[in-house]
Amino acid sequence: MAYVERINLAIDQVVSHLGEPGGLRLTQVSRAAGLSPFHFHRVFQALMGETLADFVKRLRLEKALVMMCHGRQPSLTRVALACGFSSSSDFSRSFRQRFGSPPSRFDIRGWRDTHRSELEAMVAGSAERLHLERLPAAHNPDGFKVKIHHLPARRVAYIRVRNPYRGDAVVKAVEGLVAWAERNVLADGQWLGYQWDNPEITPLESCVYHIAVEAERFTPKGEIGGFRFPPMVVAQVEIRGGVDLELRALQWLFGVWLPKSGYVPDDHPCFEAFLGRPFAHGTEYFELHAQLPVRRS
């Protein structure tokens, strides 16, 4: 089994059990990867650039930031337990160590604005291609319409792309997965793009994007991983246009529709559900459904 495949299994174990206190110890994650704890520790750090403990803590803190952004203001104890910390004091201590401020005094809006500006600059390329001024309340100049869909459990084959906002790594991953899917007669399934990270929270260089195709029967191997999503409810918006339109749709979903909807984000990534194959119309124009997993508040 290739090391990339083993690390994929380890990461899937982490994101599937992130909210379980003590449930992501080195021995458990290394067992999922099929490596001894000693060798796993070295391999994981070499490939990911951080230790397993640092990786888990970072994901938990970033999940906490997301919870602090949306819905009714939750208590620190609720946030701590939902994100896998043993107590609110453990959460507050870890939060202060990473961000230099206790969670109760953290400027979450300033943090998001900074990361949003970095994302806009990275994706835009030039001011003419991207217009992401903050939308006023209830304003919907693009005419976005939300449909609520109940999706069944799905298994996907994926390629994980690190630092997806630079270079052509995503395009190459799409080409690789399409070629693999064609060889395995899976290319006509539903194609998805998703990332567990929120680029308004996570530094862009630490984000990871997944290009995936729904497929029940296949054997993960090498860079081709496998993951099963449970049934979920999604708020869906149709997008036919450029990346600027997609980013405006997400901004509208989170900033305008969500606060008045009676829903809050669920613990799943947002999905790009492509209409046809990914990049079927090139890299400047997309036809897809943006899907935000939600649950009743």
Protein backbone atom coordinates (compact mmCIF):
# COMPACT_ATOMS: atom_id res chain seq x y z
CA MET A 1 0.00 0.00 0.00
CA ALA A 2 1.46 3.39 -1.03
CA TYR A 3 2.14 6.00 1.64
CA VAL A 4 -0.26 8.50 0.04
CA GLU A 5 -3.01 5.88 0.30
CA ARG A 6 -2.19 5.27 3.96
CA ILE A 7 -2.24 8.98 4.79
CA ASN A 8 -5.56 9.34 2.97
CA LEU A 9 -6.99 6.64 5.25
CA ALA A 10 -5.59 8.44 8.29
CA ILE A 11 -7.09 11.80 7.30
CA ASP A 12 -10.46 10.18 6.60
CA GLN A 13 -10.32 8.69 10.10
CA VAL A 14 -9.63 12.14 11.55
CA VAL A 15 -12.40 14.06 9.76
CA SER A 16 -14.91 11.28 10.50
CA HIS A 17 -14.26 11.35 14.27
CA LEU A 18 -13.17 14.95 14.87
CA GLY A 19 -15.81 15.59 17.52
CA GLU A 20 -14.98 12.56 19.65
CA PRO A 21 -12.86 13.49 22.69
CA GLY A 22 -9.87 11.20 22.91
CA GLY A 23 -11.03 9.31 19.83
CA LEU A 24 -8.12 10.30 17.62
CA ARG A 25 -5.11 9.01 19.43
CA LEU A 26 -1.96 8.14 17.51
CA THR A 27 -2.49 4.40 17.95
CA GLN A 28 -6.03 4.54 16.53
CA VAL A 29 -5.21 6.69 13.53
CA SER A 30 -2.04 4.78 12.72
CA ARG A 31 -4.02 1.53 12.88
CA ALA A 32 -6.45 2.94 10.29
CA ALA A 33 -3.46 3.67 8.07
CA GLY A 34 -1.97 0.21 8.58
CA LEU A 35 1.29 1.52 10.06
CA SER A 36 2.96 1.21 13.43
CA PRO A 37 2.63 4.37 15.55
CA PHE A 38 6.39 4.99 15.32
CA HIS A 39 6.56 4.83 11.53
CA PHE A 40 3.19 6.51 11.05
CA HIS A 41 4.29 9.54 13.06
CA ARG A 42 7.32 10.07 10.81
CA VAL A 43 5.44 9.44 7.55
CA PHE A 44 2.51 11.69 8.48
CA GLN A 45 4.74 14.59 9.48
CA ALA A 46 6.88 14.23 6.36
CA LEU A 47 3.89 14.27 3.99
CA MET A 48 1.61 16.71 5.83
CA GLY A 49 4.17 19.12 7.28
CA GLU A 50 2.76 18.86 10.81
CA THR A 51 2.36 16.22 13.48
CA LEU A 52 -0.89 14.31 13.86
CA ALA A 53 -1.58 16.07 17.18
CA ASP A 54 -1.07 19.51 15.60
CA PHE A 55 -3.21 18.52 12.61
CA VAL A 56 -6.09 17.33 14.81
CA LYS A 57 -5.92 20.39 17.05
CA ARG A 58 -5.87 22.74 14.05
CA LEU A 59 -8.95 21.12 12.49
CA ARG A 60 -10.81 21.22 15.80
CA LEU A 61 -10.02 24.90 16.34
CA GLU A 62 -11.04 25.75 12.77
CA LYS A 63 -14.30 23.87 13.28
CA ALA A 64 -14.81 25.92 16.45
CA LEU A 65 -14.34 29.13 14.49
CA VAL A 66 -16.98 28.01 12.01
CA MET A 67 -19.41 27.31 14.86
CA MET A 68 -18.70 30.75 16.28
CA CYS A 69 -19.54 32.33 12.90
CA HIS A 70 -22.97 30.86 12.25
CA GLY A 71 -26.26 30.40 14.01
CA ARG A 72 -27.07 31.45 17.54
CA GLN A 73 -24.01 32.27 19.61
CA PRO A 74 -23.20 28.92 21.27
CA SER A 75 -21.65 28.60 24.71
CA LEU A 76 -17.94 27.86 24.89
CA THR A 77 -18.73 24.54 26.56
CA ARG A 78 -20.97 23.52 23.69
CA VAL A 79 -18.35 24.53 21.14
CA ALA A 80 -15.61 22.72 23.06
CA LEU A 81 -17.49 19.42 23.31
CA ALA A 82 -18.77 19.56 19.71
CA CYS A 83 -15.20 20.01 18.46
CA GLY A 84 -13.66 17.19 20.47
CA PHE A 85 -12.09 19.11 23.37
CA SER A 86 -12.41 17.59 26.81
CA SER A 87 -13.67 20.80 28.45
CA SER A 88 -14.20 24.50 27.87
CA SER A 89 -10.96 25.26 29.71
CA ASP A 90 -9.03 22.87 27.44
CA PHE A 91 -10.62 24.57 24.42
CA SER A 92 -9.89 28.09 25.70
CA ARG A 93 -6.27 27.21 26.46
CA SER A 94 -5.71 25.70 23.00
CA PHE A 95 -7.51 28.61 21.35
CA ARG A 96 -5.36 31.21 23.11
CA GLN A 97 -2.17 29.31 22.23
CA ARG A 98 -3.04 29.34 18.53
CA PHE A 99 -4.74 32.71 18.07
CA GLY A 100 -3.28 34.77 20.91
CA SER A 101 -6.68 35.64 22.33
CA PRO A 102 -9.35 33.86 24.38
CA PRO A 103 -12.36 32.79 22.28
CA SER A 104 -14.68 35.14 24.15
CA ARG A 105 -12.64 38.16 22.94
CA PHE A 106 -11.60 36.93 19.50
CA ASP A 107 -12.38 39.19 16.52
CA ILE A 108 -13.97 36.54 14.33
CA ARG A 109 -15.25 39.09 11.80
CA GLY A 110 -11.80 40.59 11.35
CA TRP A 111 -10.28 37.13 10.94
CA ARG A 112 -12.82 36.20 8.24
CA ASP A 113 -12.44 39.52 6.43
CA THR A 114 -8.67 39.08 6.25
CA HIS A 115 -8.91 35.54 4.88
CA ARG A 116 -11.70 36.50 2.49
CA SER A 117 -9.50 39.25 1.05
CA GLU A 118 -6.67 36.76 0.55
CA LEU A 119 -9.06 34.35 -1.17
CA GLU A 120 -10.42 37.04 -3.48
CA ALA A 121 -6.91 38.16 -4.43
CA MET A 122 -5.79 34.58 -5.03
CA VAL A 123 -8.77 33.54 -7.15
CA ALA A 124 -9.39 36.77 -8.99
CA GLY A 125 -6.13 37.29 -10.79
CA SER A 126 -7.34 40.76 -11.78
CA ALA A 127 -9.90 43.21 -10.45
CA GLU A 128 -11.92 42.99 -13.66
CA ARG A 129 -12.74 39.30 -13.16
CA LEU A 130 -14.07 39.35 -9.63
CA HIS A 131 -16.56 41.59 -7.88
CA LEU A 132 -17.25 40.43 -4.34
CA GLU A 133 -18.43 43.54 -2.53
CA ARG A 134 -20.35 42.58 0.60
CA LEU A 135 -24.03 42.14 -0.19
CA PRO A 136 -26.50 44.27 1.77
CA ALA A 137 -29.12 42.44 3.80
CA ALA A 138 -31.78 40.69 1.67
CA HIS A 139 -30.04 41.81 -1.54
CA ASN A 140 -29.89 39.16 -4.28
CA PRO A 141 -28.87 40.81 -7.57
CA ASP A 142 -28.01 37.45 -9.16
CA GLY A 143 -31.47 35.99 -8.49
CA PHE A 144 -30.19 32.96 -6.56
CA LYS A 145 -32.89 30.48 -5.55
CA VAL A 146 -32.49 27.82 -2.88
CA LYS A 147 -33.92 24.34 -3.13
CA ILE A 148 -33.78 21.99 -0.14
CA HIS A 149 -32.77 18.46 -1.08
CA HIS A 150 -32.53 15.29 1.00
CA LEU A 151 -29.55 13.30 -0.26
CA PRO A 152 -29.01 9.59 0.46
CA ALA A 153 -25.75 8.15 1.75
CA ARG A 154 -23.05 8.32 -0.91
CA ARG A 155 -19.64 6.76 -1.39
CA VAL A 156 -17.08 8.65 -3.47
CA ALA A 157 -13.72 8.03 -5.04
CA TYR A 158 -11.53 11.10 -4.60
CA ILE A 159 -8.15 12.66 -5.17
CA ARG A 160 -7.01 15.03 -2.44
CA VAL A 161 -5.34 18.28 -3.63
CA ARG A 162 -3.26 20.28 -1.19
CA ASN A 163 -2.90 24.07 -1.56
CA PRO A 164 -5.49 24.12 -4.40
CA TYR A 165 -5.52 27.89 -4.89
CA ARG A 166 -2.10 27.98 -6.54
CA GLY A 167 -1.01 26.54 -9.85
CA ASP A 168 -2.81 23.85 -11.84
CA ALA A 169 -2.90 21.09 -9.21
CA VAL A 170 -6.72 20.88 -9.29
CA VAL A 171 -6.82 20.64 -13.09
CA LYS A 172 -4.24 17.85 -13.04
CA ALA A 173 -6.16 16.01 -10.31
CA VAL A 174 -9.37 16.27 -12.36
CA GLU A 175 -7.61 14.87 -15.41
CA GLY A 176 -6.18 12.01 -13.35
CA LEU A 177 -9.49 11.08 -11.72
CA VAL A 178 -11.43 11.33 -15.00
CA ALA A 179 -8.93 8.99 -16.67
CA TRP A 180 -9.21 6.55 -13.73
CA ALA A 181 -13.02 6.75 -13.78
CA GLU A 182 -13.14 6.08 -17.52
CA ARG A 183 -10.95 3.00 -17.13
CA ASN A 184 -13.27 1.76 -14.39
CA VAL A 185 -16.53 2.69 -16.18
CA LEU A 186 -17.40 5.22 -13.45
CA ALA A 187 -17.06 8.49 -15.36
CA ASP A 188 -20.80 8.97 -15.84
CA GLY A 189 -21.50 9.20 -12.10
CA GLN A 190 -22.11 12.42 -10.16
CA TRP A 191 -18.91 14.49 -9.97
CA LEU A 192 -18.24 16.51 -6.82
CA GLY A 193 -15.75 19.03 -5.56
CA TYR A 194 -15.48 19.73 -1.84
CA GLN A 195 -13.18 20.74 0.97
CA TRP A 196 -13.53 20.31 4.69
CA ASP A 197 -11.69 23.60 5.22
CA ASN A 198 -13.36 27.00 5.12
CA PRO A 199 -10.98 29.38 3.28
CA GLU A 200 -12.37 32.27 5.35
CA ILE A 201 -11.05 30.44 8.42
CA THR A 202 -8.15 28.26 7.27
CA PRO A 203 -5.02 29.81 5.71
CA LEU A 204 -5.14 29.17 1.96
CA GLU A 205 -1.87 27.25 1.94
CA SER A 206 -3.36 24.79 4.46
CA CYS A 207 -6.61 24.20 2.55
CA VAL A 208 -7.24 20.86 0.86
CA TYR A 209 -9.64 20.36 -2.06
CA HIS A 210 -11.14 17.02 -3.10
CA ILE A 211 -12.24 16.17 -6.61
CA ALA A 212 -14.52 13.15 -6.44
CA VAL A 213 -16.99 10.99 -8.32
CA GLU A 214 -19.80 9.00 -6.71
CA ALA A 215 -18.95 5.31 -6.95
CA GLU A 216 -20.12 2.43 -4.77
CA ARG A 217 -17.87 -0.38 -5.98
CA PHE A 218 -14.18 0.29 -6.36
CA THR A 219 -10.95 -0.38 -4.50
CA PRO A 220 -9.07 2.67 -3.18
CA LYS A 221 -5.45 2.58 -4.26
CA GLY A 222 -2.61 5.06 -4.28
CA GLU A 223 -3.86 8.62 -4.55
CA ILE A 224 -7.42 7.40 -5.21
CA GLY A 225 -9.16 7.41 -1.84
CA GLY A 226 -12.64 6.36 -0.82
CA PHE A 227 -15.07 8.06 1.59
CA ARG A 228 -18.72 7.50 2.53
CA PHE A 229 -20.93 10.46 3.35
CA PRO A 230 -24.06 9.83 5.45
CA PRO A 231 -27.53 10.98 4.37
CA MET A 232 -27.81 14.74 4.59
CA VAL A 233 -29.98 17.74 3.81
CA VAL A 234 -28.50 20.40 1.51
CA ALA A 235 -29.51 23.91 0.49
CA GLN A 236 -28.82 23.95 -3.25
CA VAL A 237 -28.24 26.85 -5.63
CA GLU A 238 -27.71 26.45 -9.37
CA ILE A 239 -24.69 28.23 -10.84
CA ARG A 240 -23.94 28.80 -14.51
CA GLY A 241 -21.06 31.21 -14.84
CA GLY A 242 -17.56 31.99 -13.61
CA VAL A 243 -15.85 31.58 -10.26
CA ASP A 244 -17.00 35.08 -9.30
CA LEU A 245 -20.62 33.94 -9.54
CA GLU A 246 -19.92 30.84 -7.46
CA LEU A 247 -18.24 32.85 -4.72
CA ARG A 248 -21.10 35.36 -4.69
CA ALA A 249 -23.55 32.46 -4.38
CA LEU A 250 -21.72 31.11 -1.34
CA GLN A 251 -21.50 34.59 0.18
CA TRP A 252 -25.24 35.03 -0.33
CA LEU A 253 -26.05 31.58 1.06
CA PHE A 254 -24.06 32.16 4.24
CA GLY A 255 -24.59 35.88 4.69
CA VAL A 256 -28.17 36.50 3.54
CA TRP A 257 -30.18 33.29 3.18
CA LEU A 258 -28.83 31.22 6.09
CA PRO A 259 -29.47 33.67 8.97
CA LYS A 260 -33.17 33.89 8.04
CA SER A 261 -33.71 30.29 6.97
CA GLY A 262 -34.16 28.48 10.26
CA TYR A 263 -31.17 26.29 9.36
CA VAL A 264 -27.55 26.17 10.50
CA PRO A 265 -24.60 24.55 8.68
CA ASP A 266 -24.21 20.83 9.29
CA ASP A 267 -20.89 19.08 9.95
CA HIS A 268 -20.17 18.29 6.29
CA PRO A 269 -18.27 20.19 3.61
CA CYS A 270 -19.96 22.34 0.98
CA PHE A 271 -20.17 20.55 -2.36
CA GLU A 272 -19.78 21.56 -5.95
CA ALA A 273 -22.11 19.06 -7.68
CA PHE A 274 -21.07 19.40 -11.31
CA LEU A 275 -23.65 19.20 -14.09
CA GLY A 276 -21.71 16.74 -16.20
CA ARG A 277 -17.97 16.28 -15.81
CA PRO A 278 -15.83 18.88 -14.01
CA PHE A 279 -14.32 21.55 -16.26
CA ALA A 280 -16.48 20.34 -19.15
CA HIS A 281 -16.66 24.00 -20.25
CA GLY A 282 -13.07 24.92 -19.39
CA THR A 283 -11.77 26.60 -16.25
CA GLU A 284 -13.51 29.97 -16.62
CA TYR A 285 -17.16 28.87 -16.87
CA PHE A 286 -18.94 26.32 -14.67
CA GLU A 287 -22.30 24.61 -14.58
CA LEU A 288 -22.94 23.11 -11.15
CA HIS A 289 -25.07 23.06 -8.04
CA ALA A 290 -23.54 24.60 -4.93
CA GLN A 291 -24.75 22.46 -2.02
CA LEU A 292 -24.58 23.64 1.57
CA PRO A 293 -25.31 20.85 4.11
CA VAL A 294 -27.73 22.16 6.74
CA ARG A 295 -29.83 21.10 9.70
CA ARG A 296 -32.66 22.78 11.57
CA SER A 297 -31.45 25.27 14.18
